[in-house]
Amino acid sequence: GIDEGLKILETVKSKLGVKIITDLHEPAQAERVAEIADIVQIPAFLARQTDLVIATAEAAQKHKRLIHIKKGQFIAPWDCKNMVNKVVEAIGENIVMLCERGSSFGYNNLVVDML
């Protein structure tokens, strides 16, 4: 479960001296994850869940962490501003990184065009 997973991440972080990035999936996990992870990551399919985004923003700010939001392939690039705006409105600052993962065009047709 999450408790054992966070213990493992904390051990890796302290023994190897590396930065940790990990997902969270529920608002109730935000505080515990932000205590350990240097970057708190919101998965693509949860990126539009307002409660999760706000809880993550509050916990990340409290622990001076960054938030990495994976852009869902179902989200238009220009709509990503809504995810960032939720964070800024909740905590008054932008601590968000976004990850482009392409866009779906119909079934099984994923396009990732970075040029």
N, C-alpha and C. Protein backbone atom coordinates (compact mmCIF):
# COMPACT_ATOMS: atom_id res chain seq x y z
N GLY A 1 0.80 -1.19 0.00
CA GLY A 1 0.00 0.00 0.00
C GLY A 1 0.85 1.26 0.00
N ILE A 2 0.20 2.37 0.13
CA ILE A 2 0.89 3.66 0.04
C ILE A 2 1.90 3.84 1.17
N ASP A 3 1.57 3.38 2.37
CA ASP A 3 2.50 3.57 3.49
C ASP A 3 3.83 2.85 3.24
N GLU A 4 3.75 1.61 2.82
CA GLU A 4 4.96 0.85 2.53
C GLU A 4 5.71 1.45 1.34
N GLY A 5 4.97 1.86 0.32
CA GLY A 5 5.60 2.49 -0.84
C GLY A 5 6.35 3.76 -0.49
N LEU A 6 5.74 4.59 0.35
CA LEU A 6 6.40 5.83 0.76
C LEU A 6 7.63 5.57 1.62
N LYS A 7 7.57 4.51 2.44
CA LYS A 7 8.75 4.14 3.24
C LYS A 7 9.91 3.75 2.32
N ILE A 8 9.59 2.99 1.29
CA ILE A 8 10.62 2.57 0.33
C ILE A 8 11.21 3.79 -0.37
N LEU A 9 10.36 4.70 -0.83
CA LEU A 9 10.84 5.91 -1.50
C LEU A 9 11.70 6.76 -0.57
N GLU A 10 11.29 6.86 0.68
CA GLU A 10 12.06 7.64 1.65
C GLU A 10 13.44 7.02 1.88
N THR A 11 13.50 5.69 1.93
CA THR A 11 14.77 5.00 2.10
C THR A 11 15.68 5.23 0.90
N VAL A 12 15.12 5.10 -0.29
CA VAL A 12 15.90 5.33 -1.51
C VAL A 12 16.44 6.76 -1.53
N LYS A 13 15.58 7.71 -1.21
CA LYS A 13 15.97 9.12 -1.21
C LYS A 13 17.12 9.38 -0.24
N SER A 14 17.01 8.87 0.97
CA SER A 14 18.03 9.16 1.99
C SER A 14 19.32 8.38 1.76
N LYS A 15 19.22 7.12 1.35
CA LYS A 15 20.43 6.31 1.18
C LYS A 15 21.21 6.66 -0.08
N LEU A 16 20.50 7.00 -1.15
CA LEU A 16 21.17 7.30 -2.42
C LEU A 16 21.34 8.79 -2.66
N GLY A 17 20.66 9.61 -1.89
CA GLY A 17 20.78 11.05 -2.06
C GLY A 17 20.19 11.56 -3.37
N VAL A 18 19.12 10.92 -3.82
CA VAL A 18 18.48 11.31 -5.08
C VAL A 18 17.16 12.01 -4.81
N LYS A 19 16.69 12.76 -5.81
CA LYS A 19 15.37 13.39 -5.74
C LYS A 19 14.32 12.34 -6.11
N ILE A 20 13.14 12.49 -5.54
CA ILE A 20 12.06 11.54 -5.76
C ILE A 20 10.87 12.23 -6.42
N ILE A 21 10.32 11.58 -7.44
CA ILE A 21 9.07 12.00 -8.06
C ILE A 21 8.14 10.79 -8.02
N THR A 22 6.90 11.01 -7.62
CA THR A 22 5.94 9.90 -7.58
C THR A 22 4.52 10.42 -7.73
N ASP A 23 3.67 9.54 -8.22
CA ASP A 23 2.24 9.85 -8.41
C ASP A 23 1.50 9.82 -7.08
N LEU A 24 0.38 10.49 -7.07
CA LEU A 24 -0.63 10.29 -6.04
C LEU A 24 -1.97 10.18 -6.76
N HIS A 25 -2.96 9.60 -6.08
CA HIS A 25 -4.22 9.30 -6.76
C HIS A 25 -5.45 9.81 -6.04
N GLU A 26 -5.30 10.21 -4.79
CA GLU A 26 -6.45 10.68 -4.01
C GLU A 26 -6.04 11.92 -3.21
N PRO A 27 -6.97 12.85 -3.01
CA PRO A 27 -6.64 14.05 -2.23
C PRO A 27 -6.06 13.74 -0.85
N ALA A 28 -6.54 12.68 -0.21
CA ALA A 28 -6.07 12.33 1.13
C ALA A 28 -4.60 11.91 1.14
N GLN A 29 -4.04 11.58 0.00
CA GLN A 29 -2.63 11.17 -0.08
C GLN A 29 -1.68 12.35 -0.22
N ALA A 30 -2.19 13.52 -0.54
CA ALA A 30 -1.35 14.66 -0.90
C ALA A 30 -0.34 15.03 0.18
N GLU A 31 -0.78 15.14 1.40
CA GLU A 31 0.11 15.55 2.48
C GLU A 31 1.25 14.55 2.69
N ARG A 32 0.91 13.27 2.76
CA ARG A 32 1.93 12.24 3.00
C ARG A 32 2.94 12.15 1.86
N VAL A 33 2.44 12.26 0.63
CA VAL A 33 3.33 12.18 -0.53
C VAL A 33 4.24 13.41 -0.59
N ALA A 34 3.69 14.59 -0.34
CA ALA A 34 4.50 15.83 -0.41
C ALA A 34 5.56 15.89 0.68
N GLU A 35 5.37 15.18 1.76
CA GLU A 35 6.40 15.13 2.81
C GLU A 35 7.67 14.46 2.31
N ILE A 36 7.54 13.52 1.38
CA ILE A 36 8.67 12.70 0.93
C ILE A 36 9.12 13.05 -0.48
N ALA A 37 8.20 13.14 -1.41
CA ALA A 37 8.55 13.37 -2.81
C ALA A 37 9.00 14.81 -3.03
N ASP A 38 10.03 14.98 -3.84
CA ASP A 38 10.48 16.32 -4.21
C ASP A 38 9.57 16.93 -5.27
N ILE A 39 9.03 16.07 -6.10
CA ILE A 39 8.05 16.48 -7.11
C ILE A 39 6.86 15.54 -6.97
N VAL A 40 5.68 16.12 -6.81
CA VAL A 40 4.45 15.34 -6.67
C VAL A 40 3.78 15.32 -8.04
N GLN A 41 3.49 14.13 -8.53
CA GLN A 41 3.01 13.96 -9.89
C GLN A 41 1.53 13.57 -9.91
N ILE A 42 0.77 14.26 -10.74
CA ILE A 42 -0.64 13.94 -10.93
C ILE A 42 -0.77 13.21 -12.27
N PRO A 43 -1.30 11.98 -12.24
CA PRO A 43 -1.44 11.20 -13.47
C PRO A 43 -2.40 11.86 -14.47
N ALA A 44 -2.21 11.54 -15.73
CA ALA A 44 -3.00 12.15 -16.80
C ALA A 44 -4.51 11.98 -16.60
N PHE A 45 -4.94 10.80 -16.23
CA PHE A 45 -6.38 10.58 -16.13
C PHE A 45 -7.00 11.23 -14.89
N LEU A 46 -6.17 11.77 -14.02
CA LEU A 46 -6.67 12.47 -12.83
C LEU A 46 -6.40 13.97 -12.89
N ALA A 47 -5.83 14.44 -13.97
CA ALA A 47 -5.37 15.83 -14.08
C ALA A 47 -6.50 16.86 -14.02
N ARG A 48 -7.72 16.45 -14.26
CA ARG A 48 -8.84 17.39 -14.24
C ARG A 48 -9.68 17.27 -12.97
N GLN A 49 -9.22 16.48 -12.01
CA GLN A 49 -9.93 16.30 -10.75
C GLN A 49 -9.58 17.46 -9.82
N THR A 50 -10.48 18.41 -9.71
CA THR A 50 -10.22 19.64 -8.97
C THR A 50 -9.80 19.38 -7.53
N ASP A 51 -10.49 18.50 -6.83
CA ASP A 51 -10.15 18.22 -5.43
C ASP A 51 -8.71 17.71 -5.30
N LEU A 52 -8.30 16.85 -6.21
CA LEU A 52 -6.95 16.30 -6.18
C LEU A 52 -5.92 17.39 -6.50
N VAL A 53 -6.19 18.20 -7.49
CA VAL A 53 -5.25 19.26 -7.88
C VAL A 53 -5.08 20.26 -6.73
N ILE A 54 -6.17 20.66 -6.11
CA ILE A 54 -6.09 21.64 -5.02
C ILE A 54 -5.38 21.05 -3.79
N ALA A 55 -5.73 19.83 -3.42
CA ALA A 55 -5.06 19.19 -2.27
C ALA A 55 -3.57 19.04 -2.52
N THR A 56 -3.22 18.68 -3.74
CA THR A 56 -1.81 18.55 -4.10
C THR A 56 -1.11 19.90 -4.05
N ALA A 57 -1.76 20.94 -4.56
CA ALA A 57 -1.18 22.28 -4.55
C ALA A 57 -0.91 22.75 -3.12
N GLU A 58 -1.87 22.56 -2.25
CA GLU A 58 -1.71 23.00 -0.86
C GLU A 58 -0.59 22.25 -0.15
N ALA A 59 -0.55 20.94 -0.34
CA ALA A 59 0.50 20.14 0.31
C ALA A 59 1.87 20.44 -0.28
N ALA A 60 1.93 20.59 -1.60
CA ALA A 60 3.21 20.89 -2.25
C ALA A 60 3.76 22.24 -1.81
N GLN A 61 2.90 23.22 -1.71
CA GLN A 61 3.34 24.54 -1.27
C GLN A 61 3.85 24.48 0.18
N LYS A 62 3.12 23.79 1.03
CA LYS A 62 3.50 23.67 2.44
C LYS A 62 4.90 23.07 2.59
N HIS A 63 5.21 22.08 1.76
CA HIS A 63 6.50 21.38 1.86
C HIS A 63 7.52 21.88 0.84
N LYS A 64 7.18 22.99 0.15
CA LYS A 64 8.09 23.59 -0.84
C LYS A 64 8.46 22.60 -1.94
N ARG A 65 7.44 21.97 -2.51
CA ARG A 65 7.62 20.99 -3.58
C ARG A 65 7.06 21.53 -4.89
N LEU A 66 7.39 20.86 -5.97
CA LEU A 66 6.82 21.16 -7.28
C LEU A 66 5.75 20.13 -7.60
N ILE A 67 4.88 20.51 -8.53
CA ILE A 67 3.83 19.60 -9.01
C ILE A 67 4.08 19.34 -10.49
N HIS A 68 4.07 18.08 -10.87
CA HIS A 68 4.19 17.69 -12.27
C HIS A 68 2.84 17.11 -12.69
N ILE A 69 2.21 17.73 -13.66
CA ILE A 69 0.93 17.23 -14.16
C ILE A 69 1.15 16.65 -15.55
N LYS A 70 0.79 15.38 -15.69
CA LYS A 70 0.85 14.75 -17.00
C LYS A 70 -0.39 15.16 -17.79
N LYS A 71 -0.19 15.69 -18.97
CA LYS A 71 -1.33 16.08 -19.81
C LYS A 71 -1.95 14.82 -20.41
N GLY A 72 -3.23 14.67 -20.17
CA GLY A 72 -3.93 13.55 -20.77
C GLY A 72 -4.04 13.72 -22.28
N GLN A 73 -3.97 12.62 -23.01
CA GLN A 73 -4.07 12.68 -24.46
C GLN A 73 -5.44 13.19 -24.91
N PHE A 74 -6.39 13.17 -24.01
CA PHE A 74 -7.74 13.62 -24.29
C PHE A 74 -7.92 15.11 -24.01
N ILE A 75 -6.88 15.78 -23.53
CA ILE A 75 -6.96 17.21 -23.20
C ILE A 75 -6.26 18.01 -24.29
N ALA A 76 -6.95 19.01 -24.82
CA ALA A 76 -6.33 19.88 -25.81
C ALA A 76 -5.21 20.68 -25.15
N PRO A 77 -4.11 20.90 -25.84
CA PRO A 77 -2.99 21.63 -25.24
C PRO A 77 -3.40 22.98 -24.66
N TRP A 78 -4.27 23.70 -25.33
CA TRP A 78 -4.69 25.03 -24.86
C TRP A 78 -5.58 24.95 -23.62
N ASP A 79 -6.09 23.78 -23.29
CA ASP A 79 -6.90 23.63 -22.08
C ASP A 79 -6.05 23.34 -20.84
N CYS A 80 -4.75 23.15 -21.02
CA CYS A 80 -3.87 22.91 -19.87
C CYS A 80 -3.83 24.10 -18.93
N LYS A 81 -4.11 25.27 -19.46
CA LYS A 81 -4.11 26.46 -18.60
C LYS A 81 -5.11 26.31 -17.46
N ASN A 82 -6.19 25.56 -17.68
CA ASN A 82 -7.18 25.36 -16.63
C ASN A 82 -6.59 24.60 -15.44
N MET A 83 -5.74 23.62 -15.71
CA MET A 83 -5.10 22.86 -14.63
C MET A 83 -4.15 23.76 -13.85
N VAL A 84 -3.37 24.55 -14.57
CA VAL A 84 -2.44 25.47 -13.91
C VAL A 84 -3.20 26.53 -13.12
N ASN A 85 -4.28 27.05 -13.70
CA ASN A 85 -5.08 28.07 -13.01
C ASN A 85 -5.67 27.56 -11.70
N LYS A 86 -6.06 26.29 -11.65
CA LYS A 86 -6.58 25.72 -10.40
C LYS A 86 -5.53 25.82 -9.29
N VAL A 87 -4.29 25.54 -9.64
CA VAL A 87 -3.20 25.61 -8.65
C VAL A 87 -2.98 27.05 -8.22
N VAL A 88 -2.88 27.95 -9.18
CA VAL A 88 -2.61 29.36 -8.87
C VAL A 88 -3.74 29.95 -8.03
N GLU A 89 -4.98 29.64 -8.37
CA GLU A 89 -6.12 30.15 -7.60
C GLU A 89 -6.13 29.59 -6.18
N ALA A 90 -5.68 28.36 -6.01
CA ALA A 90 -5.71 27.72 -4.69
C ALA A 90 -4.60 28.23 -3.77
N ILE A 91 -3.41 28.47 -4.33
CA ILE A 91 -2.27 28.80 -3.45
C ILE A 91 -1.57 30.11 -3.80
N GLY A 92 -1.97 30.75 -4.88
CA GLY A 92 -1.40 32.05 -5.22
C GLY A 92 -0.06 32.03 -5.93
N GLU A 93 0.40 30.86 -6.34
CA GLU A 93 1.65 30.79 -7.10
C GLU A 93 1.63 29.60 -8.05
N ASN A 94 2.47 29.68 -9.08
CA ASN A 94 2.56 28.61 -10.06
C ASN A 94 3.77 27.75 -9.73
N ILE A 95 3.52 26.54 -9.26
CA ILE A 95 4.58 25.58 -8.96
C ILE A 95 4.39 24.32 -9.81
N VAL A 96 3.85 24.53 -11.03
CA VAL A 96 3.44 23.43 -11.89
C VAL A 96 4.39 23.25 -13.07
N MET A 97 4.68 21.99 -13.36
CA MET A 97 5.33 21.59 -14.61
C MET A 97 4.31 20.73 -15.36
N LEU A 98 4.21 20.93 -16.66
CA LEU A 98 3.32 20.12 -17.48
C LEU A 98 4.14 19.22 -18.39
N CYS A 99 3.59 18.07 -18.67
CA CYS A 99 4.26 17.10 -19.54
C CYS A 99 3.37 16.82 -20.74
N GLU A 100 3.85 17.14 -21.93
CA GLU A 100 3.12 16.86 -23.17
C GLU A 100 3.23 15.37 -23.47
N ARG A 101 2.10 14.75 -23.74
CA ARG A 101 2.09 13.31 -23.99
C ARG A 101 1.34 12.97 -25.27
N GLY A 102 1.08 14.00 -26.08
CA GLY A 102 0.41 13.76 -27.35
C GLY A 102 -1.09 13.97 -27.24
N SER A 103 -1.75 13.76 -28.37
CA SER A 103 -3.21 13.93 -28.46
C SER A 103 -3.82 12.76 -29.20
N SER A 104 -5.00 12.36 -28.76
CA SER A 104 -5.72 11.28 -29.43
C SER A 104 -6.60 11.84 -30.52
N PHE A 105 -6.57 11.16 -31.64
CA PHE A 105 -7.45 11.49 -32.75
C PHE A 105 -8.20 10.22 -33.10
N GLY A 106 -9.37 10.05 -32.51
CA GLY A 106 -10.12 8.82 -32.70
C GLY A 106 -9.56 7.71 -31.82
N TYR A 107 -9.93 6.49 -32.12
CA TYR A 107 -9.47 5.34 -31.34
C TYR A 107 -8.08 4.90 -31.81
N ASN A 108 -7.21 4.62 -30.86
CA ASN A 108 -5.89 4.05 -31.15
C ASN A 108 -5.04 4.88 -32.11
N ASN A 109 -5.24 6.19 -32.13
CA ASN A 109 -4.45 7.05 -33.00
C ASN A 109 -3.87 8.18 -32.17
N LEU A 110 -2.72 7.93 -31.57
CA LEU A 110 -2.05 8.90 -30.72
C LEU A 110 -0.97 9.62 -31.53
N VAL A 111 -1.02 10.94 -31.52
CA VAL A 111 -0.04 11.74 -32.25
C VAL A 111 0.75 12.57 -31.24
N VAL A 112 2.07 12.43 -31.30
CA VAL A 112 2.98 13.25 -30.49
C VAL A 112 3.87 13.99 -31.48
N ASP A 113 3.58 15.27 -31.67
CA ASP A 113 4.30 16.07 -32.66
C ASP A 113 4.93 17.26 -31.96
N MET A 114 6.20 17.17 -31.70
CA MET A 114 6.89 18.22 -30.95
C MET A 114 7.49 19.30 -31.85
N LEU A 115 7.41 19.16 -33.14
CA LEU A 115 8.02 20.15 -34.04
C LEU A 115 7.05 21.18 -34.52
